[in-house]
C-alpha atoms as a PDB file:
ATOM      1  CA  UNK A   1     -13.499  70.615 -17.191  1.00  0.00           C
ATOM      2  CA  UNK A   2     -15.280  73.281 -15.125  1.00  0.00           C
ATOM      3  CA  UNK A   3     -17.950  75.184 -17.033  1.00  0.00           C
ATOM      4  CA  UNK A   4     -18.999  77.221 -13.974  1.00  0.00           C
ATOM      5  CA  UNK A   5     -16.506  78.609 -11.444  1.00  0.00           C
ATOM      6  CA  UNK A   6     -17.684  80.583  -8.427  1.00  0.00           C
ATOM      7  CA  UNK A   7     -14.853  82.222  -6.483  1.00  0.00           C
ATOM      8  CA  UNK A   8     -15.361  83.664  -2.985  1.00  0.00           C
ATOM      9  CA  UNK A   9     -18.718  85.225  -3.822  1.00  0.00           C
ATOM     10  CA  UNK A  10     -20.280  87.466  -1.194  1.00  0.00           C
ATOM     11  CA  UNK A  11     -23.775  88.914  -1.526  1.00  0.00           C
ATOM     12  CA  UNK A  12     -24.799  91.569   0.978  1.00  0.00           C
ATOM     13  CA  UNK A  13     -28.096  93.339   1.401  1.00  0.00           C
ATOM     14  CA  UNK A  14     -28.764  96.276   3.705  1.00  0.00           C
ATOM     15  CA  UNK A  15     -29.868  94.077   6.585  1.00  0.00           C
ATOM     16  CA  UNK A  16     -28.464  90.629   5.753  1.00  0.00           C
ATOM     17  CA  UNK A  17     -25.742  88.536   4.143  1.00  0.00           C
ATOM     18  CA  UNK A  18     -27.172  86.094   1.581  1.00  0.00           C
ATOM     19  CA  UNK A  19     -23.807  84.586   0.590  1.00  0.00           C
ATOM     20  CA  UNK A  20     -20.714  84.568   2.797  1.00  0.00           C
ATOM     21  CA  UNK A  21     -17.740  83.735   0.593  1.00  0.00           C
ATOM     22  CA  UNK A  22     -19.058  80.878  -1.569  1.00  0.00           C
ATOM     23  CA  UNK A  23     -16.675  79.000  -3.876  1.00  0.00           C
ATOM     24  CA  UNK A  24     -17.662  76.052  -6.072  1.00  0.00           C
ATOM     25  CA  UNK A  25     -17.163  74.555  -9.528  1.00  0.00           C
ATOM     26  CA  UNK A  26     -19.567  72.731 -11.831  1.00  0.00           C
ATOM     27  CA  UNK A  27     -18.214  70.454 -14.520  1.00  0.00           C
ATOM     28  CA  UNK A  28     -19.497  70.665 -18.069  1.00  0.00           C
ATOM     29  CA  UNK A  29     -22.436  68.295 -18.542  1.00  0.00           C
ATOM     30  CA  UNK A  30     -22.935  67.719 -14.797  1.00  0.00           C
ATOM     31  CA  UNK A  31     -26.306  67.733 -13.012  1.00  0.00           C
ATOM     32  CA  UNK A  32     -25.790  69.542  -9.704  1.00  0.00           C
ATOM     33  CA  UNK A  33     -28.520  69.991  -7.095  1.00  0.00           C
ATOM     34  CA  UNK A  34     -28.205  72.756  -4.506  1.00  0.00           C
ATOM     35  CA  UNK A  35     -30.180  71.971  -1.380  1.00  0.00           C
ATOM     36  CA  UNK A  36     -30.972  74.050   1.655  1.00  0.00           C
ATOM     37  CA  UNK A  37     -33.761  75.532   3.715  1.00  0.00           C
ATOM     38  CA  UNK A  38     -35.416  78.847   2.948  1.00  0.00           C
ATOM     39  CA  UNK A  39     -32.916  81.673   3.467  1.00  0.00           C
ATOM     40  CA  UNK A  40     -29.837  79.481   3.040  1.00  0.00           C
ATOM     41  CA  UNK A  41     -28.688  81.436  -0.033  1.00  0.00           C
ATOM     42  CA  UNK A  42     -29.311  78.776  -2.672  1.00  0.00           C
ATOM     43  CA  UNK A  43     -31.611  80.850  -4.918  1.00  0.00           C
ATOM     44  CA  UNK A  44     -29.339  83.874  -4.605  1.00  0.00           C
ATOM     45  CA  UNK A  45     -26.402  81.756  -5.766  1.00  0.00           C
ATOM     46  CA  UNK A  46     -28.429  80.434  -8.711  1.00  0.00           C
ATOM     47  CA  UNK A  47     -29.470  83.943  -9.739  1.00  0.00           C
ATOM     48  CA  UNK A  48     -25.871  85.156  -9.638  1.00  0.00           C
ATOM     49  CA  UNK A  49     -24.689  82.202 -11.750  1.00  0.00           C
ATOM     50  CA  UNK A  50     -27.413  83.032 -14.279  1.00  0.00           C
ATOM     51  CA  UNK A  51     -26.617  86.726 -14.420  1.00  0.00           C
ATOM     52  CA  UNK A  52     -29.988  87.727 -12.948  1.00  0.00           C
ATOM     53  CA  UNK A  53     -28.227  89.233  -9.920  1.00  0.00           C
ATOM     54  CA  UNK A  54     -24.702  90.454  -9.219  1.00  0.00           C
ATOM     55  CA  UNK A  55     -22.343  89.650  -6.375  1.00  0.00           C
ATOM     56  CA  UNK A  56     -21.205  92.234  -3.843  1.00  0.00           C
ATOM     57  CA  UNK A  57     -17.712  90.810  -4.328  1.00  0.00           C
ATOM     58  CA  UNK A  58     -16.084  87.759  -5.857  1.00  0.00           C
ATOM     59  CA  UNK A  59     -16.018  86.290  -9.355  1.00  0.00           C
ATOM     60  CA  UNK A  60     -18.278  84.053 -11.417  1.00  0.00           C
ATOM     61  CA  UNK A  61     -16.712  82.523 -14.512  1.00  0.00           C
ATOM     62  CA  UNK A  62     -18.885  80.826 -17.124  1.00  0.00           C
ATOM     63  CA  UNK A  63     -16.840  79.079 -19.798  1.00  0.00           C
ATOM     64  CA  UNK A  64     -13.840  81.164 -18.592  1.00  0.00           C
ATOM     65  CA  UNK A  65     -15.720  84.496 -18.968  1.00  0.00           C
ATOM     66  CA  UNK A  66     -16.122  86.534 -15.767  1.00  0.00           C
ATOM     67  CA  UNK A  67     -19.770  87.573 -15.978  1.00  0.00           C
ATOM     68  CA  UNK A  68     -19.363  89.937 -13.010  1.00  0.00           C
ATOM     69  CA  UNK A  69     -17.425  92.239 -15.347  1.00  0.00           C
ATOM     70  CA  UNK A  70     -20.064  92.282 -18.107  1.00  0.00           C
ATOM     71  CA  UNK A  71     -22.300  95.267 -18.913  1.00  0.00           C
ATOM     72  CA  UNK A  72     -26.098  94.939 -18.766  1.00  0.00           C
ATOM     73  CA  UNK A  73     -26.269  94.451 -22.546  1.00  0.00           C
ATOM     74  CA  UNK A  74     -23.506  91.861 -22.430  1.00  0.00           C
ATOM     75  CA  UNK A  75     -25.268  90.055 -19.570  1.00  0.00           C
ATOM     76  CA  UNK A  76     -28.517  89.974 -21.553  1.00  0.00           C
ATOM     77  CA  UNK A  77     -26.651  88.438 -24.495  1.00  0.00           C
ATOM     78  CA  UNK A  78     -24.970  85.929 -22.174  1.00  0.00           C
ATOM     79  CA  UNK A  79     -28.324  84.848 -20.731  1.00  0.00           C
ATOM     80  CA  UNK A  80     -29.946  84.482 -24.147  1.00  0.00           C
ATOM     81  CA  UNK A  81     -27.085  82.428 -25.593  1.00  0.00           C
ATOM     82  CA  UNK A  82     -25.846  80.361 -22.660  1.00  0.00           C
ATOM     83  CA  UNK A  83     -28.642  79.848 -20.131  1.00  0.00           C
ATOM     84  CA  UNK A  84     -32.154  78.433 -19.933  1.00  0.00           C
ATOM     85  CA  UNK A  85     -34.240  79.176 -16.839  1.00  0.00           C
ATOM     86  CA  UNK A  86     -37.028  77.218 -15.124  1.00  0.00           C
ATOM     87  CA  UNK A  87     -38.708  78.754 -12.085  1.00  0.00           C
ATOM     88  CA  UNK A  88     -41.208  77.508  -9.509  1.00  0.00           C
ATOM     89  CA  UNK A  89     -43.813  79.822 -11.005  1.00  0.00           C
ATOM     90  CA  UNK A  90     -44.279  79.101 -14.707  1.00  0.00           C
ATOM     91  CA  UNK A  91     -44.342  82.782 -15.823  1.00  0.00           C
ATOM     92  CA  UNK A  92     -46.283  81.771 -18.923  1.00  0.00           C
ATOM     93  CA  UNK A  93     -48.190  84.477 -20.809  1.00  0.00           C
ATOM     94  CA  UNK A  94     -51.834  83.559 -20.084  1.00  0.00           C
ATOM     95  CA  UNK A  95     -53.310  84.695 -23.420  1.00  0.00           C
ATOM     96  CA  UNK A  96     -50.697  82.849 -25.519  1.00  0.00           C
ATOM     97  CA  UNK A  97     -50.902  79.186 -26.487  1.00  0.00           C
ATOM     98  CA  UNK A  98     -48.251  76.658 -25.481  1.00  0.00           C
ATOM     99  CA  UNK A  99     -46.459  76.946 -28.814  1.00  0.00           C
ATOM    100  CA  UNK A 100     -46.641  80.760 -28.740  1.00  0.00           C
ATOM    101  CA  UNK A 101     -45.112  80.817 -25.243  1.00  0.00           C
ATOM    102  CA  UNK A 102     -42.165  78.767 -26.521  1.00  0.00           C
ATOM    103  CA  UNK A 103     -41.841  80.912 -29.654  1.00  0.00           C
ATOM    104  CA  UNK A 104     -41.583  83.997 -27.424  1.00  0.00           C
ATOM    105  CA  UNK A 105     -38.276  82.670 -26.051  1.00  0.00           C
ATOM    106  CA  UNK A 106     -37.055  82.188 -29.632  1.00  0.00           C
ATOM    107  CA  UNK A 107     -38.059  85.740 -30.512  1.00  0.00           C
ATOM    108  CA  UNK A 108     -35.906  87.224 -27.755  1.00  0.00           C
ATOM    109  CA  UNK A 109     -32.968  85.040 -28.849  1.00  0.00           C
ATOM    110  CA  UNK A 110     -33.035  85.272 -32.642  1.00  0.00           C
ATOM    111  CA  UNK A 111     -35.992  84.350 -34.826  1.00  0.00           C
ATOM    112  CA  UNK A 112     -39.214  82.530 -33.948  1.00  0.00           C
ATOM    113  CA  UNK A 113     -39.781  79.203 -35.696  1.00  0.00           C
ATOM    114  CA  UNK A 114     -43.196  77.634 -35.121  1.00  0.00           C
ATOM    115  CA  UNK A 115     -42.220  74.192 -36.397  1.00  0.00           C
ATOM    116  CA  UNK A 116     -39.200  74.134 -34.081  1.00  0.00           C
ATOM    117  CA  UNK A 117     -41.319  75.238 -31.120  1.00  0.00           C
ATOM    118  CA  UNK A 118     -43.887  72.538 -31.878  1.00  0.00           C
ATOM    119  CA  UNK A 119     -41.136  69.912 -32.026  1.00  0.00           C
ATOM    120  CA  UNK A 120     -39.784  71.093 -28.646  1.00  0.00           C
ATOM    121  CA  UNK A 121     -43.231  70.664 -27.092  1.00  0.00           C
ATOM    122  CA  UNK A 122     -43.606  67.208 -28.635  1.00  0.00           C
ATOM    123  CA  UNK A 123     -40.288  66.224 -27.038  1.00  0.00           C
ATOM    124  CA  UNK A 124     -41.711  67.045 -23.601  1.00  0.00           C
ATOM    125  CA  UNK A 125     -44.922  65.124 -24.277  1.00  0.00           C
ATOM    126  CA  UNK A 126     -47.215  68.005 -25.205  1.00  0.00           C
ATOM    127  CA  UNK A 127     -47.835  67.242 -28.869  1.00  0.00           C
ATOM    128  CA  UNK A 128     -51.592  67.210 -28.252  1.00  0.00           C
ATOM    129  CA  UNK A 129     -51.541  70.480 -26.266  1.00  0.00           C
ATOM    130  CA  UNK A 130     -49.803  72.803 -28.736  1.00  0.00           C
ATOM    131  CA  UNK A 131     -52.668  75.276 -28.986  1.00  0.00           C
ATOM    132  CA  UNK A 132     -53.916  75.142 -25.406  1.00  0.00           C
ATOM    133  CA  UNK A 133     -53.526  78.196 -23.181  1.00  0.00           C
ATOM    134  CA  UNK A 134     -51.986  77.862 -19.679  1.00  0.00           C
ATOM    135  CA  UNK A 135     -55.387  77.931 -17.954  1.00  0.00           C
ATOM    136  CA  UNK A 136     -56.365  74.835 -19.936  1.00  0.00           C
ATOM    137  CA  UNK A 137     -53.336  72.868 -18.722  1.00  0.00           C
ATOM    138  CA  UNK A 138     -52.372  71.175 -15.456  1.00  0.00           C
ATOM    139  CA  UNK A 139     -49.500  72.408 -13.302  1.00  0.00           C
ATOM    140  CA  UNK A 140     -47.279  69.592 -14.558  1.00  0.00           C
ATOM    141  CA  UNK A 141     -48.106  70.419 -18.180  1.00  0.00           C
ATOM    142  CA  UNK A 142     -47.324  74.081 -17.591  1.00  0.00           C
ATOM    143  CA  UNK A 143     -43.908  73.123 -16.206  1.00  0.00           C
ATOM    144  CA  UNK A 144     -43.273  71.008 -19.294  1.00  0.00           C
ATOM    145  CA  UNK A 145     -43.908  74.099 -21.418  1.00  0.00           C
ATOM    146  CA  UNK A 146     -41.334  75.896 -19.246  1.00  0.00           C
ATOM    147  CA  UNK A 147     -38.798  73.131 -19.909  1.00  0.00           C
ATOM    148  CA  UNK A 148     -39.425  73.319 -23.654  1.00  0.00           C
ATOM    149  CA  UNK A 149     -39.111  77.105 -23.504  1.00  0.00           C
ATOM    150  CA  UNK A 150     -35.882  76.923 -21.500  1.00  0.00           C
ATOM    151  CA  UNK A 151     -34.273  74.485 -23.946  1.00  0.00           C
ATOM    152  CA  UNK A 152     -35.551  75.857 -27.262  1.00  0.00           C
ATOM    153  CA  UNK A 153     -32.404  77.935 -27.857  1.00  0.00           C
ATOM    154  CA  UNK A 154     -30.037  75.032 -27.029  1.00  0.00           C
ATOM    155  CA  UNK A 155     -28.400  76.574 -23.931  1.00  0.00           C
ATOM    156  CA  UNK A 156     -25.256  75.121 -22.389  1.00  0.00           C
ATOM    157  CA  UNK A 157     -26.665  75.578 -18.882  1.00  0.00           C
ATOM    158  CA  UNK A 158     -30.131  74.908 -17.483  1.00  0.00           C
ATOM    159  CA  UNK A 159     -30.854  76.682 -14.187  1.00  0.00           C
ATOM    160  CA  UNK A 160     -33.923  75.487 -12.284  1.00  0.00           C
ATOM    161  CA  UNK A 161     -35.194  77.165  -9.108  1.00  0.00           C
ATOM    162  CA  UNK A 162     -37.609  74.859  -7.236  1.00  0.00           C
ATOM    163  CA  UNK A 163     -39.062  73.637 -10.572  1.00  0.00           C
ATOM    164  CA  UNK A 164     -41.332  71.115  -8.834  1.00  0.00           C
ATOM    165  CA  UNK A 165     -42.194  73.243  -5.802  1.00  0.00           C
ATOM    166  CA  UNK A 166     -45.850  73.653  -6.822  1.00  0.00           C
ATOM    167  CA  UNK A 167     -46.379  70.049  -7.936  1.00  0.00           C
ATOM    168  CA  UNK A 168     -47.568  66.903  -6.174  1.00  0.00           C
ATOM    169  CA  UNK A 169     -45.254  63.894  -5.895  1.00  0.00           C
ATOM    170  CA  UNK A 170     -46.533  62.149  -9.025  1.00  0.00           C
ATOM    171  CA  UNK A 171     -46.079  65.233 -11.211  1.00  0.00           C
ATOM    172  CA  UNK A 172     -42.734  65.935  -9.546  1.00  0.00           C
ATOM    173  CA  UNK A 173     -41.505  62.514 -10.607  1.00  0.00           C
ATOM    174  CA  UNK A 174     -42.775  63.069 -14.179  1.00  0.00           C
ATOM    175  CA  UNK A 175     -40.846  66.348 -14.447  1.00  0.00           C
ATOM    176  CA  UNK A 176     -37.667  64.836 -12.971  1.00  0.00           C
ATOM    177  CA  UNK A 177     -37.859  61.837 -15.298  1.00  0.00           C
ATOM    178  CA  UNK A 178     -38.231  64.239 -18.213  1.00  0.00           C
ATOM    179  CA  UNK A 179     -35.220  66.291 -17.116  1.00  0.00           C
ATOM    180  CA  UNK A 180     -33.205  63.092 -16.665  1.00  0.00           C
ATOM    181  CA  UNK A 181     -34.067  61.929 -20.172  1.00  0.00           C
ATOM    182  CA  UNK A 182     -33.296  65.309 -21.753  1.00  0.00           C
ATOM    183  CA  UNK A 183     -30.040  65.592 -19.802  1.00  0.00           C
ATOM    184  CA  UNK A 184     -28.897  62.157 -20.973  1.00  0.00           C
ATOM    185  CA  UNK A 185     -29.828  63.040 -24.539  1.00  0.00           C
ATOM    186  CA  UNK A 186     -28.349  66.543 -24.740  1.00  0.00           C
ATOM    187  CA  UNK A 187     -25.555  66.585 -22.116  1.00  0.00           C
ATOM    188  CA  UNK A 188     -26.220  70.181 -21.041  1.00  0.00           C
ATOM    189  CA  UNK A 189     -25.261  71.296 -17.537  1.00  0.00           C
ATOM    190  CA  UNK A 190     -28.045  71.446 -14.926  1.00  0.00           C
ATOM    191  CA  UNK A 191     -27.955  73.421 -11.689  1.00  0.00           C
ATOM    192  CA  UNK A 192     -31.173  72.833  -9.742  1.00  0.00           C
ATOM    193  CA  UNK A 193     -32.192  74.429  -6.452  1.00  0.00           C
ATOM    194  CA  UNK A 194     -34.515  72.571  -4.095  1.00  0.00           C
ATOM    195  CA  UNK A 195     -35.472  72.170  -0.448  1.00  0.00           C
ATOM    196  CA  UNK A 196     -36.983  68.714  -1.110  1.00  0.00           C
ATOM    197  CA  UNK A 197     -34.801  65.683  -0.234  1.00  0.00           C
ATOM    198  CA  UNK A 198     -36.682  63.591  -2.819  1.00  0.00           C
ATOM    199  CA  UNK A 199     -35.746  66.004  -5.620  1.00  0.00           C
ATOM    200  CA  UNK A 200     -32.157  66.388  -4.421  1.00  0.00           C
ATOM    201  CA  UNK A 201     -31.434  62.682  -5.023  1.00  0.00           C
ATOM    202  CA  UNK A 202     -31.905  63.117  -8.770  1.00  0.00           C
ATOM    203  CA  UNK A 203     -28.772  64.161 -10.597  1.00  0.00           C
ATOM    204  CA  UNK A 204     -25.098  63.509  -9.946  1.00  0.00           C
ATOM    205  CA  UNK A 205     -24.072  65.789  -7.090  1.00  0.00           C
ATOM    206  CA  UNK A 206     -25.599  67.637  -4.137  1.00  0.00           C
ATOM    207  CA  UNK A 207     -24.315  70.852  -2.578  1.00  0.00           C
ATOM    208  CA  UNK A 208     -25.811  71.582   0.837  1.00  0.00           C
ATOM    209  CA  UNK A 209     -26.149  75.245   1.830  1.00  0.00           C
ATOM    210  CA  UNK A 210     -26.773  76.783   5.227  1.00  0.00           C
ATOM    211  CA  UNK A 211     -26.707  80.463   6.245  1.00  0.00           C
ATOM    212  CA  UNK A 212     -24.896  81.591   3.097  1.00  0.00           C
ATOM    213  CA  UNK A 213     -22.221  78.885   3.248  1.00  0.00           C
ATOM    214  CA  UNK A 214     -21.683  75.592   1.454  1.00  0.00           C
ATOM    215  CA  UNK A 215     -21.584  73.008   4.234  1.00  0.00           C
ATOM    216  CA  UNK A 216     -21.661  69.775   2.224  1.00  0.00           C
ATOM    217  CA  UNK A 217     -20.696  68.410  -1.186  1.00  0.00           C
ATOM    218  CA  UNK A 218     -21.837  64.887  -2.061  1.00  0.00           C
ATOM    219  CA  UNK A 219     -21.497  62.823  -5.247  1.00  0.00           C
ATOM    220  CA  UNK A 220     -24.581  60.722  -5.935  1.00  0.00           C
END
């Protein structure tokens, strides 16, 4: 069953086309990696799927709802209820502790629960770092906070844009192993964007993008 359906999506800017009629489906519970060089359109596609950007034309259906027809308020509700985001930059609040950064995501969704946030951090291996601020943590630890924050509201879809782009190979493998374990445990849908062939081999399927087009679709 397709949870995500992208139908002939075009994204135009004043001086460039980012997407040139992209169509693709993602099955519920699947881990899909989108790979391509810088400027291929992969991050634009991810942002449109997550409701952070809108298409110039075409449709994006999430669980049979066309999010291109939603108002700004409806999109905000969709993002808070359906989607968790992980970005290359951690976007953690520097003066908040690890647990407070996770609780912030709860606050924007419903109600903050410190015990629940602490448990989420323990699940990603940060039980001894609950009250550390981002500056006191390594890059890999900061990304683990981002994973806990993205999953705290039990989203159906996890969208990750170059989540290991700032990490060395050892920390990259730690983060990917963690995502693999959480995916097996929770069966949420993952769409991950990367330019790294090592990262792209994790998951179940690879879409290859080039110049705003999908040029390859491989099952792993």
